[in-house]
Amino acid sequence: MGKKICVITGANSGIGKQAAIQIAKKGYRVIIGCRNIERGNGALKDIKKISASDDVEFIQVDMSLKSSIRKFCKTINDQYNYIDVLIHNAALFDISQKSPIKTAEGYESLWMTNHVGPVLMTKLLLNLLKKSVDGRILTVSSKGLLAMPMLKVDVEDPEFNHRSFSVTKAYYQSKRAQVMYTYWLAKALEKDGISVNSIRVTAVQVDMSRHQNISSLKKWIYKQKSKKSLTPKRMAETYVYLATSSDVKGVTGQYFDENNQGVSSSKYSKNLKNIENVMALTDKYL
């Protein structure tokens, strides 16, 4: 087995980019997946420079499109014999969005990008992860779920086709589904030597240049929140810890906060029947 290999999506900015830099500094080969080619190439250049590593590769992928994910995974399967770490960092959450946005394949974009896409990618890269001596999969959720303890995944209408759309509910529904997927996958892979854990991302400073179309009031609110928020670099340290540290080797099916401590999710998300229902729904999209 050669150099360890980490695949991370949404690594063109923010936490994902900082995690890619830190993991590359640890001597891993890092493959970054990004939707925008121009931003991806820009991030690739920055990551190589800051990490002082040339062992970084950019492969374009749109996590909302199954066809793009399949192409991305085929490229990796063709080029590599194994991977060691898969980090599902990419996510959509445009706070100015007022109505559902359908992808070119006809699905609601947040549900596909934030939940179905990571599940499909994991499925397509699983054989490579099984060849690692210490395979690790990380999903990403949000501390914001604490403010929505009763929020469930609507297994009848996850895409808001027949109910009033809320970008906040759509986002947090997808993040609750990811936690439930983490528990399900950890159980499914417990005999394969692959650990599966989820990260509860706390409030992190937002790059407001990516949100030009929101009101001045919302910009002010986010500016005030940022004063008490973690930097992306600091939040990325938890990604790196769970992806690389020997301290958590073999630890699986857990939910971690920004201090690398295990935390609990909602009662609903831990219920086995609820998990089975969410995964039965998810399977219909694959």
C-alpha atoms as a PDB file:
ATOM      1  CA  MET A   1       0.000   0.000   0.000  1.00  0.00           C
ATOM      2  CA  GLY A   2       1.427   3.378  -1.024  1.00  0.00           C
ATOM      3  CA  LYS A   3       0.641   6.909   0.068  1.00  0.00           C
ATOM      4  CA  LYS A   4      -2.733   7.394   1.708  1.00  0.00           C
ATOM      5  CA  ILE A   5      -5.415   8.927  -0.506  1.00  0.00           C
ATOM      6  CA  CYS A   6      -8.214  11.271   0.573  1.00  0.00           C
ATOM      7  CA  VAL A   7     -11.170  12.317  -1.581  1.00  0.00           C
ATOM      8  CA  ILE A   8     -13.009  15.444  -0.447  1.00  0.00           C
ATOM      9  CA  THR A   9     -15.901  17.218  -2.150  1.00  0.00           C
ATOM     10  CA  GLY A  10     -16.661  20.928  -1.989  1.00  0.00           C
ATOM     11  CA  ALA A  11     -13.002  21.764  -1.436  1.00  0.00           C
ATOM     12  CA  ASN A  12     -12.813  24.943  -3.490  1.00  0.00           C
ATOM     13  CA  SER A  13     -13.516  27.178  -0.472  1.00  0.00           C
ATOM     14  CA  GLY A  14     -14.265  27.334   3.232  1.00  0.00           C
ATOM     15  CA  ILE A  15     -13.897  24.328   5.508  1.00  0.00           C
ATOM     16  CA  GLY A  16     -13.368  21.880   2.653  1.00  0.00           C
ATOM     17  CA  LYS A  17     -10.450  23.838   1.234  1.00  0.00           C
ATOM     18  CA  GLN A  18      -8.843  24.219   4.654  1.00  0.00           C
ATOM     19  CA  ALA A  19      -9.263  20.500   5.334  1.00  0.00           C
ATOM     20  CA  ALA A  20      -7.669  19.658   1.988  1.00  0.00           C
ATOM     21  CA  ILE A  21      -4.680  21.852   2.839  1.00  0.00           C
ATOM     22  CA  GLN A  22      -4.212  20.300   6.275  1.00  0.00           C
ATOM     23  CA  ILE A  23      -4.585  16.728   5.024  1.00  0.00           C
ATOM     24  CA  ALA A  24      -2.149  17.369   2.173  1.00  0.00           C
ATOM     25  CA  LYS A  25       0.334  18.703   4.742  1.00  0.00           C
ATOM     26  CA  LYS A  26       0.103  15.330   6.491  1.00  0.00           C
ATOM     27  CA  GLY A  27       1.428  13.616   3.380  1.00  0.00           C
ATOM     28  CA  TYR A  28      -1.823  12.330   1.902  1.00  0.00           C
ATOM     29  CA  ARG A  29      -2.612  12.486  -1.783  1.00  0.00           C
ATOM     30  CA  VAL A  30      -5.724  14.660  -1.898  1.00  0.00           C
ATOM     31  CA  ILE A  31      -8.342  14.545  -4.631  1.00  0.00           C
ATOM     32  CA  ILE A  32     -10.670  17.542  -4.507  1.00  0.00           C
ATOM     33  CA  GLY A  33     -14.084  17.433  -6.138  1.00  0.00           C
ATOM     34  CA  CYS A  34     -15.697  20.744  -7.078  1.00  0.00           C
ATOM     35  CA  ARG A  35     -18.593  21.755  -9.312  1.00  0.00           C
ATOM     36  CA  ASN A  36     -17.096  24.916 -10.830  1.00  0.00           C
ATOM     37  CA  ILE A  37     -14.044  24.199 -12.984  1.00  0.00           C
ATOM     38  CA  GLU A  38     -12.554  27.682 -12.683  1.00  0.00           C
ATOM     39  CA  ARG A  39     -12.888  27.733  -8.889  1.00  0.00           C
ATOM     40  CA  GLY A  40     -11.659  24.154  -8.679  1.00  0.00           C
ATOM     41  CA  ASN A  41      -8.489  24.964 -10.583  1.00  0.00           C
ATOM     42  CA  GLY A  42      -7.976  28.064  -8.460  1.00  0.00           C
ATOM     43  CA  ALA A  43      -8.368  26.027  -5.273  1.00  0.00           C
ATOM     44  CA  LEU A  44      -5.996  23.374  -6.614  1.00  0.00           C
ATOM     45  CA  LYS A  45      -3.307  26.009  -7.112  1.00  0.00           C
ATOM     46  CA  ASP A  46      -3.848  27.469  -3.633  1.00  0.00           C
ATOM     47  CA  ILE A  47      -3.898  24.098  -1.876  1.00  0.00           C
ATOM     48  CA  LYS A  48      -0.668  23.000  -3.554  1.00  0.00           C
ATOM     49  CA  LYS A  49       1.055  26.265  -2.660  1.00  0.00           C
ATOM     50  CA  ILE A  50      -0.081  26.502   0.959  1.00  0.00           C
ATOM     51  CA  SER A  51       0.432  22.807   1.746  1.00  0.00           C
ATOM     52  CA  ALA A  52       3.740  22.696  -0.136  1.00  0.00           C
ATOM     53  CA  SER A  53       2.511  19.521  -1.809  1.00  0.00           C
ATOM     54  CA  ASP A  54       2.128  18.741  -5.504  1.00  0.00           C
ATOM     55  CA  ASP A  55       0.204  15.586  -4.653  1.00  0.00           C
ATOM     56  CA  VAL A  56      -3.196  17.224  -5.064  1.00  0.00           C
ATOM     57  CA  GLU A  57      -5.624  16.621  -7.914  1.00  0.00           C
ATOM     58  CA  PHE A  58      -8.838  18.321  -9.005  1.00  0.00           C
ATOM     59  CA  ILE A  59     -11.662  16.350 -10.648  1.00  0.00           C
ATOM     60  CA  GLN A  60     -14.858  18.190 -11.560  1.00  0.00           C
ATOM     61  CA  VAL A  61     -18.109  16.910 -10.049  1.00  0.00           C
ATOM     62  CA  ASP A  62     -21.614  18.290  -9.585  1.00  0.00           C
ATOM     63  CA  MET A  63     -23.055  16.555  -6.537  1.00  0.00           C
ATOM     64  CA  SER A  64     -26.619  17.312  -7.638  1.00  0.00           C
ATOM     65  CA  LEU A  65     -26.274  15.214 -10.801  1.00  0.00           C
ATOM     66  CA  LYS A  66     -26.053  11.429 -10.729  1.00  0.00           C
ATOM     67  CA  SER A  67     -24.416  11.422 -14.156  1.00  0.00           C
ATOM     68  CA  SER A  68     -21.642  13.727 -12.929  1.00  0.00           C
ATOM     69  CA  ILE A  69     -21.066  11.653  -9.800  1.00  0.00           C
ATOM     70  CA  ARG A  70     -20.830   8.476 -11.871  1.00  0.00           C
ATOM     71  CA  LYS A  71     -18.290  10.119 -14.191  1.00  0.00           C
ATOM     72  CA  PHE A  72     -16.254  11.370 -11.211  1.00  0.00           C
ATOM     73  CA  CYS A  73     -16.228   7.932  -9.577  1.00  0.00           C
ATOM     74  CA  LYS A  74     -15.357   6.181 -12.822  1.00  0.00           C
ATOM     75  CA  THR A  75     -12.327   8.438 -13.182  1.00  0.00           C
ATOM     76  CA  ILE A  76     -11.161   7.583  -9.667  1.00  0.00           C
ATOM     77  CA  ASN A  77     -11.867   3.863 -10.109  1.00  0.00           C
ATOM     78  CA  ASP A  78      -9.876   3.888 -13.363  1.00  0.00           C
ATOM     79  CA  GLN A  79      -6.905   5.753 -11.875  1.00  0.00           C
ATOM     80  CA  TYR A  80      -6.595   4.299  -8.384  1.00  0.00           C
ATOM     81  CA  ASN A  81      -6.480   0.870  -6.783  1.00  0.00           C
ATOM     82  CA  TYR A  82      -7.663   2.120  -3.392  1.00  0.00           C
ATOM     83  CA  ILE A  83      -8.654   5.196  -1.412  1.00  0.00           C
ATOM     84  CA  ASP A  84      -8.410   5.666   2.341  1.00  0.00           C
ATOM     85  CA  VAL A  85     -10.686   8.579   3.175  1.00  0.00           C
ATOM     86  CA  LEU A  86     -13.902   9.937   1.653  1.00  0.00           C
ATOM     87  CA  ILE A  87     -15.207  13.245   3.019  1.00  0.00           C
ATOM     88  CA  HIS A  88     -18.656  14.401   1.924  1.00  0.00           C
ATOM     89  CA  ASN A  89     -18.211  18.123   2.482  1.00  0.00           C
ATOM     90  CA  ALA A  90     -20.035  19.642  -0.515  1.00  0.00           C
ATOM     91  CA  ALA A  91     -23.438  21.134   0.269  1.00  0.00           C
ATOM     92  CA  LEU A  92     -25.962  23.657  -0.984  1.00  0.00           C
ATOM     93  CA  PHE A  93     -27.553  26.272   1.269  1.00  0.00           C
ATOM     94  CA  ASP A  94     -28.401  29.560  -0.422  1.00  0.00           C
ATOM     95  CA  ILE A  95     -30.300  31.503   2.219  1.00  0.00           C
ATOM     96  CA  SER A  96     -31.856  33.713  -0.464  1.00  0.00           C
ATOM     97  CA  GLN A  97     -33.532  30.787  -2.258  1.00  0.00           C
ATOM     98  CA  LYS A  98     -37.328  31.104  -2.230  1.00  0.00           C
ATOM     99  CA  SER A  99     -38.491  28.099  -4.265  1.00  0.00           C
ATOM    100  CA  PRO A 100     -37.267  24.614  -5.220  1.00  0.00           C
ATOM    101  CA  ILE A 101     -34.645  24.414  -7.960  1.00  0.00           C
ATOM    102  CA  LYS A 102     -34.780  21.347 -10.161  1.00  0.00           C
ATOM    103  CA  THR A 103     -31.597  19.835 -11.573  1.00  0.00           C
ATOM    104  CA  ALA A 104     -31.150  18.929 -15.237  1.00  0.00           C
ATOM    105  CA  GLU A 105     -32.146  15.402 -14.187  1.00  0.00           C
ATOM    106  CA  GLY A 106     -35.421  16.634 -12.691  1.00  0.00           C
ATOM    107  CA  TYR A 107     -34.738  16.429  -8.942  1.00  0.00           C
ATOM    108  CA  GLU A 108     -34.749  19.032  -6.177  1.00  0.00           C
ATOM    109  CA  SER A 109     -31.168  20.294  -5.918  1.00  0.00           C
ATOM    110  CA  LEU A 110     -30.637  20.453  -2.129  1.00  0.00           C
ATOM    111  CA  TRP A 111     -31.937  16.939  -1.525  1.00  0.00           C
ATOM    112  CA  MET A 112     -29.701  15.561  -4.262  1.00  0.00           C
ATOM    113  CA  THR A 113     -26.555  17.548  -3.441  1.00  0.00           C
ATOM    114  CA  ASN A 114     -26.644  17.241   0.325  1.00  0.00           C
ATOM    115  CA  HIS A 115     -27.952  13.700   0.764  1.00  0.00           C
ATOM    116  CA  VAL A 116     -28.521  11.506  -2.295  1.00  0.00           C
ATOM    117  CA  GLY A 117     -25.281  12.549  -3.991  1.00  0.00           C
ATOM    118  CA  PRO A 118     -23.040  11.504  -1.072  1.00  0.00           C
ATOM    119  CA  VAL A 119     -24.867   8.172  -0.771  1.00  0.00           C
ATOM    120  CA  LEU A 120     -24.386   7.444  -4.475  1.00  0.00           C
ATOM    121  CA  MET A 121     -20.726   8.472  -4.399  1.00  0.00           C
ATOM    122  CA  THR A 122     -20.050   6.233  -1.414  1.00  0.00           C
ATOM    123  CA  LYS A 123     -21.681   3.300  -3.168  1.00  0.00           C
ATOM    124  CA  LEU A 124     -19.547   3.821  -6.284  1.00  0.00           C
ATOM    125  CA  LEU A 125     -16.267   4.209  -4.366  1.00  0.00           C
ATOM    126  CA  LEU A 126     -16.890   1.551  -1.737  1.00  0.00           C
ATOM    127  CA  ASN A 127     -14.775  -1.147  -3.403  1.00  0.00           C
ATOM    128  CA  LEU A 128     -11.744   1.177  -3.305  1.00  0.00           C
ATOM    129  CA  LEU A 129     -12.364   2.000   0.367  1.00  0.00           C
ATOM    130  CA  LYS A 130     -12.569  -1.706   1.189  1.00  0.00           C
ATOM    131  CA  LYS A 131      -9.008  -2.088  -0.117  1.00  0.00           C
ATOM    132  CA  SER A 132      -7.677   0.369   2.467  1.00  0.00           C
ATOM    133  CA  VAL A 133      -6.245  -0.955   5.722  1.00  0.00           C
ATOM    134  CA  ASP A 134      -8.080   1.834   7.545  1.00  0.00           C
ATOM    135  CA  GLY A 135     -10.911   3.125   5.368  1.00  0.00           C
ATOM    136  CA  ARG A 136     -12.810   6.130   6.690  1.00  0.00           C
ATOM    137  CA  ILE A 137     -15.989   7.873   5.517  1.00  0.00           C
ATOM    138  CA  LEU A 138     -17.067  11.237   6.916  1.00  0.00           C
ATOM    139  CA  THR A 139     -20.444  12.863   6.418  1.00  0.00           C
ATOM    140  CA  VAL A 140     -21.166  16.437   7.412  1.00  0.00           C
ATOM    141  CA  SER A 141     -24.177  17.682   9.335  1.00  0.00           C
ATOM    142  CA  SER A 142     -24.978  20.859  11.270  1.00  0.00           C
ATOM    143  CA  LYS A 143     -25.326  22.074  14.823  1.00  0.00           C
ATOM    144  CA  GLY A 144     -28.303  24.068  13.553  1.00  0.00           C
ATOM    145  CA  LEU A 145     -30.338  20.879  13.869  1.00  0.00           C
ATOM    146  CA  LEU A 146     -30.421  21.490  17.635  1.00  0.00           C
ATOM    147  CA  ALA A 147     -32.872  24.308  16.957  1.00  0.00           C
ATOM    148  CA  MET A 148     -35.132  21.881  15.067  1.00  0.00           C
ATOM    149  CA  PRO A 149     -35.467  18.872  17.396  1.00  0.00           C
ATOM    150  CA  MET A 150     -38.774  17.774  15.859  1.00  0.00           C
ATOM    151  CA  LEU A 151     -37.701  18.042  12.218  1.00  0.00           C
ATOM    152  CA  LYS A 152     -38.129  14.770  10.320  1.00  0.00           C
ATOM    153  CA  VAL A 153     -37.279  13.612   6.837  1.00  0.00           C
ATOM    154  CA  ASP A 154     -40.518  13.762   4.886  1.00  0.00           C
ATOM    155  CA  VAL A 155     -40.318  10.354   3.210  1.00  0.00           C
ATOM    156  CA  GLU A 156     -43.492  11.116   1.227  1.00  0.00           C
ATOM    157  CA  ASP A 157     -42.297  14.445  -0.155  1.00  0.00           C
ATOM    158  CA  PRO A 158     -38.567  15.068   0.432  1.00  0.00           C
ATOM    159  CA  GLU A 159     -38.388  17.359  -2.631  1.00  0.00           C
ATOM    160  CA  PHE A 160     -41.181  19.736  -1.557  1.00  0.00           C
ATOM    161  CA  ASN A 161     -43.320  18.924  -4.576  1.00  0.00           C
ATOM    162  CA  HIS A 162     -46.551  19.036  -2.578  1.00  0.00           C
ATOM    163  CA  ARG A 163     -45.745  21.265   0.388  1.00  0.00           C
ATOM    164  CA  SER A 164     -44.566  24.799   0.942  1.00  0.00           C
ATOM    165  CA  PHE A 165     -40.840  25.164   0.257  1.00  0.00           C
ATOM    166  CA  SER A 166     -38.437  26.471   2.866  1.00  0.00           C
ATOM    167  CA  VAL A 167     -34.738  26.495   2.052  1.00  0.00           C
ATOM    168  CA  THR A 168     -33.986  26.152   5.765  1.00  0.00           C
ATOM    169  CA  LYS A 169     -36.210  23.092   6.154  1.00  0.00           C
ATOM    170  CA  ALA A 170     -34.874  21.594   2.924  1.00  0.00           C
ATOM    171  CA  TYR A 171     -31.285  22.046   4.068  1.00  0.00           C
ATOM    172  CA  TYR A 172     -31.774  20.695   7.571  1.00  0.00           C
ATOM    173  CA  GLN A 173     -33.890  17.802   6.327  1.00  0.00           C
ATOM    174  CA  SER A 174     -30.960  16.739   4.137  1.00  0.00           C
ATOM    175  CA  LYS A 175     -28.528  17.107   7.032  1.00  0.00           C
ATOM    176  CA  ARG A 176     -30.737  15.025   9.328  1.00  0.00           C
ATOM    177  CA  ALA A 177     -30.850  12.375   6.588  1.00  0.00           C
ATOM    178  CA  GLN A 178     -27.042  12.370   6.448  1.00  0.00           C
ATOM    179  CA  VAL A 179     -26.763  11.637  10.166  1.00  0.00           C
ATOM    180  CA  MET A 180     -29.221   8.770   9.798  1.00  0.00           C
ATOM    181  CA  TYR A 181     -27.294   7.480   6.783  1.00  0.00           C
ATOM    182  CA  THR A 182     -24.123   7.557   8.873  1.00  0.00           C
ATOM    183  CA  TYR A 183     -25.652   5.273  11.496  1.00  0.00           C
ATOM    184  CA  TRP A 184     -27.008   2.934   8.825  1.00  0.00           C
ATOM    185  CA  LEU A 185     -23.750   2.736   6.865  1.00  0.00           C
ATOM    186  CA  ALA A 186     -21.603   2.233   9.968  1.00  0.00           C
ATOM    187  CA  LYS A 187     -23.698  -0.802  10.834  1.00  0.00           C
ATOM    188  CA  ALA A 188     -23.609  -2.120   7.268  1.00  0.00           C
ATOM    189  CA  LEU A 189     -19.797  -1.839   7.073  1.00  0.00           C
ATOM    190  CA  GLU A 190     -18.844  -2.934  10.578  1.00  0.00           C
ATOM    191  CA  LYS A 191     -17.308  -6.178   9.263  1.00  0.00           C
ATOM    192  CA  ASP A 192     -15.400  -4.460   6.448  1.00  0.00           C
ATOM    193  CA  GLY A 193     -13.009  -2.446   8.581  1.00  0.00           C
ATOM    194  CA  ILE A 194     -14.384   0.881   7.345  1.00  0.00           C
ATOM    195  CA  SER A 195     -15.328   3.520   9.902  1.00  0.00           C
ATOM    196  CA  VAL A 196     -18.206   5.906   9.211  1.00  0.00           C
ATOM    197  CA  ASN A 197     -18.716   9.029  11.292  1.00  0.00           C
ATOM    198  CA  SER A 198     -20.510  12.359  11.018  1.00  0.00           C
ATOM    199  CA  ILE A 199     -19.348  15.870  11.875  1.00  0.00           C
ATOM    200  CA  ARG A 200     -21.675  18.371  13.533  1.00  0.00           C
ATOM    201  CA  VAL A 201     -20.416  21.629  12.067  1.00  0.00           C
ATOM    202  CA  THR A 202     -20.995  24.626  14.311  1.00  0.00           C
ATOM    203  CA  ALA A 203     -21.330  28.279  13.295  1.00  0.00           C
ATOM    204  CA  VAL A 204     -18.467  29.085  10.938  1.00  0.00           C
ATOM    205  CA  GLN A 205     -17.517  32.430   9.413  1.00  0.00           C
ATOM    206  CA  VAL A 206     -19.315  32.855   6.081  1.00  0.00           C
ATOM    207  CA  ASP A 207     -17.728  34.160   2.888  1.00  0.00           C
ATOM    208  CA  MET A 208     -20.301  36.849   2.106  1.00  0.00           C
ATOM    209  CA  SER A 209     -18.944  37.301  -1.426  1.00  0.00           C
ATOM    210  CA  ARG A 210     -20.851  34.102  -2.209  1.00  0.00           C
ATOM    211  CA  HIS A 211     -24.153  35.668  -1.070  1.00  0.00           C
ATOM    212  CA  GLN A 212     -24.403  38.935  -2.981  1.00  0.00           C
ATOM    213  CA  ASN A 213     -28.158  38.656  -3.538  1.00  0.00           C
ATOM    214  CA  ILE A 214     -29.309  38.746   0.092  1.00  0.00           C
ATOM    215  CA  SER A 215     -30.654  41.814   1.869  1.00  0.00           C
ATOM    216  CA  SER A 216     -28.478  44.321   3.712  1.00  0.00           C
ATOM    217  CA  LEU A 217     -30.167  43.270   6.964  1.00  0.00           C
ATOM    218  CA  LYS A 218     -29.234  39.609   6.479  1.00  0.00           C
ATOM    219  CA  LYS A 219     -25.674  40.608   5.563  1.00  0.00           C
ATOM    220  CA  TRP A 220     -25.468  42.599   8.799  1.00  0.00           C
ATOM    221  CA  ILE A 221     -26.851  39.663  10.820  1.00  0.00           C
ATOM    222  CA  TYR A 222     -24.297  37.285   9.324  1.00  0.00           C
ATOM    223  CA  LYS A 223     -21.514  39.790   9.990  1.00  0.00           C
ATOM    224  CA  GLN A 224     -22.485  39.927  13.667  1.00  0.00           C
ATOM    225  CA  LYS A 225     -22.724  36.129  13.901  1.00  0.00           C
ATOM    226  CA  SER A 226     -19.297  35.773  12.311  1.00  0.00           C
ATOM    227  CA  LYS A 227     -17.731  37.630  15.215  1.00  0.00           C
ATOM    228  CA  LYS A 228     -18.524  34.636  17.445  1.00  0.00           C
ATOM    229  CA  SER A 229     -18.049  31.951  14.806  1.00  0.00           C
ATOM    230  CA  LEU A 230     -15.157  29.598  14.201  1.00  0.00           C
ATOM    231  CA  THR A 231     -12.829  30.145  11.285  1.00  0.00           C
ATOM    232  CA  PRO A 232     -13.045  27.531   8.503  1.00  0.00           C
ATOM    233  CA  LYS A 233      -9.445  26.597   9.337  1.00  0.00           C
ATOM    234  CA  ARG A 234     -10.366  25.800  12.946  1.00  0.00           C
ATOM    235  CA  MET A 235     -13.467  23.774  11.994  1.00  0.00           C
ATOM    236  CA  ALA A 236     -11.400  21.859   9.449  1.00  0.00           C
ATOM    237  CA  GLU A 237      -9.234  20.531  12.277  1.00  0.00           C
ATOM    238  CA  THR A 238     -12.064  18.187  13.269  1.00  0.00           C
ATOM    239  CA  TYR A 239     -12.277  16.905   9.704  1.00  0.00           C
ATOM    240  CA  VAL A 240      -8.555  16.216   9.757  1.00  0.00           C
ATOM    241  CA  TYR A 241      -8.664  14.561  13.174  1.00  0.00           C
ATOM    242  CA  LEU A 242     -11.411  12.134  12.145  1.00  0.00           C
ATOM    243  CA  ALA A 243      -9.815  11.511   8.747  1.00  0.00           C
ATOM    244  CA  THR A 244      -6.253  10.874   9.885  1.00  0.00           C
ATOM    245  CA  SER A 245      -5.783  10.402  13.634  1.00  0.00           C
ATOM    246  CA  SER A 246      -4.890   7.016  15.062  1.00  0.00           C
ATOM    247  CA  ASP A 247      -6.923   8.029  18.140  1.00  0.00           C
ATOM    248  CA  VAL A 248     -10.155   7.254  16.300  1.00  0.00           C
ATOM    249  CA  LYS A 249      -9.050   4.239  14.303  1.00  0.00           C
ATOM    250  CA  GLY A 250     -11.904   1.734  14.414  1.00  0.00           C
ATOM    251  CA  VAL A 251     -14.331   4.228  15.938  1.00  0.00           C
ATOM    252  CA  THR A 252     -17.532   4.173  13.891  1.00  0.00           C
ATOM    253  CA  GLY A 253     -21.169   5.261  13.903  1.00  0.00           C
ATOM    254  CA  GLN A 254     -20.472   8.373  15.961  1.00  0.00           C
ATOM    255  CA  TYR A 255     -21.411  12.047  15.728  1.00  0.00           C
ATOM    256  CA  PHE A 256     -18.624  14.504  16.580  1.00  0.00           C
ATOM    257  CA  ASP A 257     -18.616  18.205  17.437  1.00  0.00           C
ATOM    258  CA  GLU A 258     -15.939  20.827  16.713  1.00  0.00           C
ATOM    259  CA  ASN A 259     -14.038  19.791  19.841  1.00  0.00           C
ATOM    260  CA  ASN A 260     -13.676  16.193  18.619  1.00  0.00           C
ATOM    261  CA  GLN A 261     -16.161  15.048  21.232  1.00  0.00           C
ATOM    262  CA  GLY A 262     -18.983  12.597  20.613  1.00  0.00           C
ATOM    263  CA  VAL A 263     -22.448  14.156  20.773  1.00  0.00           C
ATOM    264  CA  SER A 264     -25.980  12.836  20.464  1.00  0.00           C
ATOM    265  CA  SER A 265     -28.466  13.434  17.662  1.00  0.00           C
ATOM    266  CA  SER A 266     -32.258  13.579  17.942  1.00  0.00           C
ATOM    267  CA  LYS A 267     -34.321  10.653  19.201  1.00  0.00           C
ATOM    268  CA  TYR A 268     -36.034  10.493  15.802  1.00  0.00           C
ATOM    269  CA  SER A 269     -32.714  10.164  13.936  1.00  0.00           C
ATOM    270  CA  LYS A 270     -31.564   7.236  16.091  1.00  0.00           C
ATOM    271  CA  ASN A 271     -34.752   5.205  15.706  1.00  0.00           C
ATOM    272  CA  LEU A 272     -34.005   2.106  13.606  1.00  0.00           C
ATOM    273  CA  LYS A 273     -37.381   2.104  11.868  1.00  0.00           C
ATOM    274  CA  ASN A 274     -36.987   5.741  10.899  1.00  0.00           C
ATOM    275  CA  ILE A 275     -33.496   5.034   9.575  1.00  0.00           C
ATOM    276  CA  GLU A 276     -34.787   2.127   7.504  1.00  0.00           C
ATOM    277  CA  ASN A 277     -37.534   4.319   6.049  1.00  0.00           C
ATOM    278  CA  VAL A 278     -35.100   7.063   5.074  1.00  0.00           C
ATOM    279  CA  MET A 279     -32.724   4.594   3.458  1.00  0.00           C
ATOM    280  CA  ALA A 280     -35.562   2.875   1.572  1.00  0.00           C
ATOM    281  CA  LEU A 281     -36.515   6.291   0.215  1.00  0.00           C
ATOM    282  CA  THR A 282     -32.894   7.111  -0.653  1.00  0.00           C
ATOM    283  CA  ASP A 283     -32.425   3.827  -2.475  1.00  0.00           C
ATOM    284  CA  LYS A 284     -35.157   4.822  -4.940  1.00  0.00           C
ATOM    285  CA  TYR A 285     -32.963   7.675  -6.169  1.00  0.00           C
ATOM    286  CA  LEU A 286     -29.811   5.644  -6.788  1.00  0.00           C
END
